[in-house]
Amino acid sequence: MPAKSKSELPQRVKGVLPSRAQEIYREAYNSAYDNYGAKSKRRGSASREETASRVAWNAVKKKYQKGDDGKWHPQKK
């Protein structure tokens, strides 16, 4: 289900990502949730939520990386 605000994100997202990364996740998730509504647009037997979550994590990974300290940090350019 799409999230209207960061507070509606799952704990597995809110508990590990910094604020801006949470926003990236939320925006990507909501967009993918809308775009992959039809089962024919998804790979295999993945649900709409699974697909949206994968897309969202990939969007976060384009801007953030997990550091040696186990926390997510903006990628260095």
Protein backbone atom coordinates (compact mmCIF):
# COMPACT_ATOMS: atom_id res chain seq x y z
CA MET A 1 0.00 0.00 0.00
CA PRO A 2 1.42 3.43 -0.89
CA ALA A 3 2.67 5.63 1.96
CA LYS A 4 1.47 9.22 2.23
CA SER A 5 4.29 10.15 4.59
CA LYS A 6 7.54 8.73 5.93
CA SER A 7 5.79 7.82 9.17
CA GLU A 8 3.76 5.23 7.26
CA LEU A 9 6.86 3.38 6.01
CA PRO A 10 7.60 -0.09 7.38
CA GLN A 11 9.88 -0.23 10.42
CA ARG A 12 12.49 -2.13 8.36
CA VAL A 13 12.86 1.08 6.32
CA LYS A 14 12.39 3.72 9.02
CA GLY A 15 14.73 1.90 11.39
CA VAL A 16 17.73 1.87 9.05
CA LEU A 17 17.52 4.67 6.50
CA PRO A 18 18.29 8.35 7.06
CA SER A 19 15.45 10.82 6.48
CA ARG A 20 16.26 11.72 2.85
CA ALA A 21 16.74 8.06 1.93
CA GLN A 22 13.34 7.30 3.45
CA GLU A 23 11.81 9.93 1.19
CA ILE A 24 13.54 8.41 -1.85
CA TYR A 25 12.20 5.00 -0.83
CA ARG A 26 8.67 6.35 -0.33
CA GLU A 27 8.56 8.15 -3.67
CA ALA A 28 9.99 5.18 -5.60
CA TYR A 29 7.71 2.71 -3.82
CA ASN A 30 4.58 4.73 -4.53
CA SER A 31 5.51 5.19 -8.17
CA ALA A 32 6.31 1.51 -8.68
CA TYR A 33 3.14 0.49 -6.85
CA ASP A 34 1.14 2.51 -9.37
CA ASN A 35 3.16 1.39 -12.40
CA TYR A 36 3.19 -2.34 -11.61
CA GLY A 37 -0.46 -2.78 -10.71
CA ALA A 38 -1.11 -5.23 -13.52
CA LYS A 39 0.36 -8.68 -12.91
CA SER A 40 1.52 -8.78 -16.54
CA LYS A 41 3.94 -5.93 -15.77
CA ARG A 42 5.67 -7.84 -12.95
CA ARG A 43 8.26 -10.59 -13.19
CA GLY A 44 7.32 -14.10 -12.17
CA SER A 45 4.97 -14.43 -9.26
CA ALA A 46 6.11 -11.30 -7.40
CA SER A 47 3.32 -9.36 -5.75
CA ARG A 48 2.73 -5.70 -6.38
CA GLU A 49 4.18 -4.89 -2.95
CA GLU A 50 7.30 -7.04 -3.48
CA THR A 51 7.97 -5.41 -6.83
CA ALA A 52 7.47 -1.91 -5.44
CA SER A 53 9.79 -2.67 -2.53
CA ARG A 54 12.55 -3.95 -4.85
CA VAL A 55 12.26 -0.84 -7.01
CA ALA A 56 12.36 1.39 -3.93
CA TRP A 57 15.46 -0.27 -2.48
CA ASN A 58 17.22 0.01 -5.85
CA ALA A 59 16.39 3.73 -5.94
CA VAL A 60 17.90 4.17 -2.47
CA LYS A 61 21.03 2.22 -3.47
CA LYS A 62 21.63 4.64 -6.36
CA LYS A 63 22.14 7.49 -3.85
CA TYR A 64 23.13 5.74 -0.61
CA GLN A 65 25.42 2.93 0.42
CA LYS A 66 25.70 0.89 3.56
CA GLY A 67 28.90 1.72 5.39
CA ASP A 68 31.25 -0.47 7.40
CA ASP A 69 29.44 0.84 10.48
CA GLY A 70 26.21 -0.79 9.23
CA LYS A 71 24.52 2.56 8.60
CA TRP A 72 23.38 4.05 5.30
CA HIS A 73 25.38 7.04 4.02
CA PRO A 74 25.14 9.20 0.88
CA GLN A 75 27.36 7.82 -1.86
CA LYS A 76 30.52 9.75 -2.45
CA LYS A 77 30.98 11.16 -5.92
